[in-house]
């Protein structure tokens, strides 16, 4: 099973830190954020990784290379100008193959067991689901949440809403109608399939952090350094 790390965002809220460095290369606990993701994927047995990039993407390729230093094989999907989440995934489809694949954000910190994606992919193929989303409790900066979860299905309507973690398993068919190289957001695709009960999901209550501000990055850095002490 292949995995994709999304690393094309500009990181506007992290400026000035991201003026000269792509957000996934910001440091926390002695490592770039994206390296935490790579190492977690490798421990779970993922060895074929696709990474998209746009803003200062050459720095990502220079640091990670072909992935050999991390025990994985990396292929890159450069975008030039960021294509949004769905557009970036659609562009990378030739590298991802025809089977369901895992996608994670390169600029978050999360301890979710990504190895579950293999079981999830089999369940999706058995039920015809187009995607499986990992949802988390709403953080203070996003109190309204994104989607509702009911008996393993994700819905757009519901009073109790959770936040999409950025971790998902997707069937390539979800993106088949998108024009490769065009910008496209992920949420409209998901909502269209939610109306058909084709989006599964689960709640994760473990460690997850959206590194959206310099202050949250500093807090995570201090936490991870304390664990090493």
Protein backbone atom coordinates (compact mmCIF):
# COMPACT_ATOMS: atom_id res chain seq x y z
CA UNK A 1 0.00 0.00 0.00
CA UNK A 2 1.31 3.45 -0.89
CA UNK A 3 1.17 6.61 1.19
CA UNK A 4 1.20 10.28 0.25
CA UNK A 5 2.42 13.15 2.38
CA UNK A 6 0.87 16.52 1.55
CA UNK A 7 3.61 19.15 1.67
CA UNK A 8 2.58 21.84 -0.82
CA UNK A 9 1.01 24.45 1.46
CA UNK A 10 2.40 27.96 1.81
CA UNK A 11 2.00 28.14 5.61
CA UNK A 12 0.79 31.73 5.70
CA UNK A 13 -0.08 31.64 9.41
CA UNK A 14 3.45 30.51 10.21
CA UNK A 15 5.15 33.50 8.67
CA UNK A 16 7.86 34.71 8.99
CA UNK A 17 9.11 31.17 9.73
CA UNK A 18 7.85 29.95 6.35
CA UNK A 19 9.22 32.86 4.33
CA UNK A 20 12.47 30.96 3.77
CA UNK A 21 11.53 27.38 4.67
CA UNK A 22 8.56 25.19 3.69
CA UNK A 23 6.28 24.47 6.65
CA UNK A 24 6.91 20.69 6.68
CA UNK A 25 10.61 21.41 7.30
CA UNK A 26 10.02 23.44 10.45
CA UNK A 27 11.70 21.81 13.43
CA UNK A 28 10.06 20.19 16.45
CA UNK A 29 11.84 17.94 18.91
CA UNK A 30 15.03 18.02 16.86
CA UNK A 31 13.42 16.87 13.59
CA UNK A 32 11.53 18.48 10.72
CA UNK A 33 7.78 17.88 11.00
CA UNK A 34 7.76 15.82 7.81
CA UNK A 35 10.46 13.50 9.16
CA UNK A 36 8.21 12.57 12.09
CA UNK A 37 5.65 11.52 9.49
CA UNK A 38 8.17 9.58 7.40
CA UNK A 39 9.46 7.67 10.41
CA UNK A 40 5.97 6.79 11.60
CA UNK A 41 5.05 5.54 8.13
CA UNK A 42 8.21 3.45 7.92
CA UNK A 43 7.59 1.84 11.30
CA UNK A 44 4.13 0.89 10.06
CA UNK A 45 5.62 -0.80 7.01
CA UNK A 46 5.01 1.85 4.36
CA UNK A 47 7.99 2.02 2.05
CA UNK A 48 6.56 3.67 -1.10
CA UNK A 49 5.91 7.32 -0.35
CA UNK A 50 4.72 10.13 -2.65
CA UNK A 51 5.29 13.73 -1.56
CA UNK A 52 3.81 16.73 -3.32
CA UNK A 53 5.33 20.15 -2.93
CA UNK A 54 5.07 23.71 -4.22
CA UNK A 55 6.41 26.53 -2.03
CA UNK A 56 10.20 26.06 -1.69
CA UNK A 57 9.74 22.43 -2.65
CA UNK A 58 13.34 22.06 -3.76
CA UNK A 59 14.33 22.24 -0.09
CA UNK A 60 12.14 19.21 0.66
CA UNK A 61 13.76 17.19 -2.12
CA UNK A 62 17.23 18.29 -1.05
CA UNK A 63 16.66 17.16 2.53
CA UNK A 64 14.82 13.89 1.94
CA UNK A 65 16.35 12.81 -1.36
CA UNK A 66 15.15 9.42 -2.57
CA UNK A 67 14.19 8.43 0.97
CA UNK A 68 16.96 5.86 1.37
CA UNK A 69 18.25 7.49 4.56
CA UNK A 70 14.82 6.90 6.12
CA UNK A 71 14.30 3.38 4.82
CA UNK A 72 11.67 4.35 2.25
CA UNK A 73 11.38 5.14 -1.46
CA UNK A 74 10.18 8.67 -2.17
CA UNK A 75 8.73 9.96 -5.41
CA UNK A 76 7.84 13.62 -5.77
CA UNK A 77 4.88 15.37 -7.35
CA UNK A 78 5.92 19.02 -7.87
CA UNK A 79 3.08 21.46 -8.42
CA UNK A 80 4.72 24.82 -8.99
CA UNK A 81 1.66 26.63 -7.69
CA UNK A 82 -0.18 24.70 -4.96
CA UNK A 83 -3.26 22.92 -6.31
CA UNK A 84 -5.20 22.53 -3.03
CA UNK A 85 -5.61 19.09 -1.43
CA UNK A 86 -7.77 17.32 -4.03
CA UNK A 87 -5.93 18.91 -6.95
CA UNK A 88 -2.60 17.81 -5.51
CA UNK A 89 -3.78 14.25 -4.99
CA UNK A 90 -5.28 14.11 -8.49
CA UNK A 91 -1.98 15.23 -10.02
CA UNK A 92 -0.13 12.52 -8.11
CA UNK A 93 -2.50 9.67 -9.05
CA UNK A 94 -0.12 8.14 -11.65
CA UNK A 95 2.39 7.67 -8.82
CA UNK A 96 -0.16 6.26 -6.39
CA UNK A 97 -1.59 3.43 -8.46
CA UNK A 98 -5.07 1.97 -8.69
CA UNK A 99 -5.54 0.69 -5.12
CA UNK A 100 -6.67 2.73 -2.09
CA UNK A 101 -3.84 4.78 -0.60
CA UNK A 102 -3.13 6.60 2.66
CA UNK A 103 -2.75 10.38 2.81
CA UNK A 104 -1.32 12.34 5.74
CA UNK A 105 -0.49 16.01 6.16
CA UNK A 106 3.19 16.85 6.31
CA UNK A 107 2.73 19.76 8.70
CA UNK A 108 0.92 18.14 11.63
CA UNK A 109 2.08 15.97 14.53
CA UNK A 110 0.02 12.86 15.20
CA UNK A 111 0.53 9.50 16.92
CA UNK A 112 -2.31 7.68 15.17
CA UNK A 113 -1.45 4.10 14.19
CA UNK A 114 -1.23 4.55 10.44
CA UNK A 115 -0.78 0.81 9.91
CA UNK A 116 -4.57 0.54 10.31
CA UNK A 117 -4.85 1.92 6.80
CA UNK A 118 -4.35 -1.54 5.31
CA UNK A 119 -7.36 -2.99 7.12
CA UNK A 120 -9.36 0.12 6.29
CA UNK A 121 -8.51 -0.23 2.59
CA UNK A 122 -9.84 -3.79 2.56
CA UNK A 123 -13.04 -2.66 4.27
CA UNK A 124 -13.45 0.12 1.70
CA UNK A 125 -13.08 -2.28 -1.19
CA UNK A 126 -15.63 -4.63 0.39
CA UNK A 127 -18.21 -1.90 0.98
CA UNK A 128 -17.58 0.38 -1.99
CA UNK A 129 -16.62 3.34 0.19
CA UNK A 130 -14.72 6.13 -1.55
CA UNK A 131 -12.79 7.36 1.50
CA UNK A 132 -12.15 6.79 5.19
CA UNK A 133 -11.40 9.81 7.40
CA UNK A 134 -9.79 10.00 10.80
CA UNK A 135 -11.62 12.59 12.91
CA UNK A 136 -10.39 14.13 16.16
CA UNK A 137 -11.96 16.17 18.98
CA UNK A 138 -12.25 19.83 18.02
CA UNK A 139 -9.18 21.86 19.05
CA UNK A 140 -9.62 25.33 20.57
CA UNK A 141 -8.81 27.03 17.27
CA UNK A 142 -11.50 25.04 15.41
CA UNK A 143 -14.42 24.62 17.83
CA UNK A 144 -17.12 24.10 15.19
CA UNK A 145 -15.47 21.01 13.70
CA UNK A 146 -15.86 19.74 10.14
CA UNK A 147 -18.04 16.64 9.93
CA UNK A 148 -20.31 14.40 11.99
CA UNK A 149 -19.64 10.72 12.65
CA UNK A 150 -22.38 8.14 13.11
CA UNK A 151 -21.80 4.37 13.32
CA UNK A 152 -18.73 4.47 11.13
CA UNK A 153 -20.09 6.83 8.48
CA UNK A 154 -19.12 10.46 8.07
CA UNK A 155 -21.85 13.01 7.38
CA UNK A 156 -21.97 16.71 6.61
CA UNK A 157 -24.97 17.24 8.89
CA UNK A 158 -25.07 16.62 12.62
CA UNK A 159 -25.04 18.48 15.89
CA UNK A 160 -21.92 16.75 17.26
CA UNK A 161 -19.12 17.52 14.86
CA UNK A 162 -15.48 16.54 14.87
CA UNK A 163 -12.40 17.91 13.13
CA UNK A 164 -10.83 16.17 10.14
CA UNK A 165 -7.27 15.26 11.14
CA UNK A 166 -5.85 15.32 7.62
CA UNK A 167 -5.37 11.54 7.76
CA UNK A 168 -7.44 9.62 5.23
CA UNK A 169 -7.55 6.55 3.02
CA UNK A 170 -8.86 7.24 -0.48
CA UNK A 171 -9.98 5.25 -3.47
CA UNK A 172 -8.45 6.76 -6.64
CA UNK A 173 -11.94 6.80 -8.16
CA UNK A 174 -12.82 9.70 -5.85
CA UNK A 175 -10.53 11.96 -7.90
CA UNK A 176 -11.09 10.47 -11.36
CA UNK A 177 -13.27 13.31 -12.63
CA UNK A 178 -10.81 16.06 -11.70
CA UNK A 179 -8.68 17.64 -14.39
CA UNK A 180 -5.06 16.93 -13.57
CA UNK A 181 -3.12 20.12 -12.90
CA UNK A 182 -6.18 22.11 -11.83
CA UNK A 183 -6.88 23.43 -8.35
CA UNK A 184 -9.54 21.55 -6.42
CA UNK A 185 -10.55 21.42 -2.77
CA UNK A 186 -11.15 18.12 -1.03
CA UNK A 187 -14.27 19.00 0.99
CA UNK A 188 -16.69 19.27 -1.97
CA UNK A 189 -15.68 15.83 -3.22
CA UNK A 190 -16.15 14.35 0.22
CA UNK A 191 -19.52 16.02 0.78
CA UNK A 192 -20.84 14.71 -2.53
CA UNK A 193 -19.97 11.15 -1.47
CA UNK A 194 -21.27 11.69 2.07
CA UNK A 195 -24.69 12.29 0.54
CA UNK A 196 -24.41 8.76 -0.86
CA UNK A 197 -23.12 7.30 2.45
CA UNK A 198 -19.81 6.50 0.76
CA UNK A 199 -17.45 8.08 3.30
CA UNK A 200 -16.44 6.03 6.33
CA UNK A 201 -14.50 7.19 9.33
CA UNK A 202 -13.41 6.80 12.91
CA UNK A 203 -12.68 8.98 15.93
CA UNK A 204 -9.14 9.24 17.27
CA UNK A 205 -8.64 10.60 20.77
CA UNK A 206 -4.86 10.31 20.94
CA UNK A 207 -2.11 12.87 20.38
CA UNK A 208 -2.79 15.13 17.41
CA UNK A 209 -1.67 18.69 16.84
CA UNK A 210 -2.32 21.05 13.97
CA UNK A 211 0.85 23.13 13.83
CA UNK A 212 -0.86 26.28 12.61
CA UNK A 213 0.99 29.02 14.47
CA UNK A 214 4.54 29.67 15.70
CA UNK A 215 3.23 29.41 19.26
CA UNK A 216 1.84 25.89 18.71
CA UNK A 217 5.09 24.87 17.04
CA UNK A 218 7.07 26.14 20.04
CA UNK A 219 4.80 24.25 22.44
CA UNK A 220 5.19 21.02 20.48
CA UNK A 221 8.95 21.51 20.31
CA UNK A 222 9.10 21.89 24.08
CA UNK A 223 6.91 18.81 24.61
CA UNK A 224 8.97 16.57 22.35
CA UNK A 225 12.27 17.80 23.77
CA UNK A 226 10.98 17.08 27.28
CA UNK A 227 10.22 13.50 26.24
CA UNK A 228 13.83 13.07 25.11
CA UNK A 229 15.31 14.49 28.32
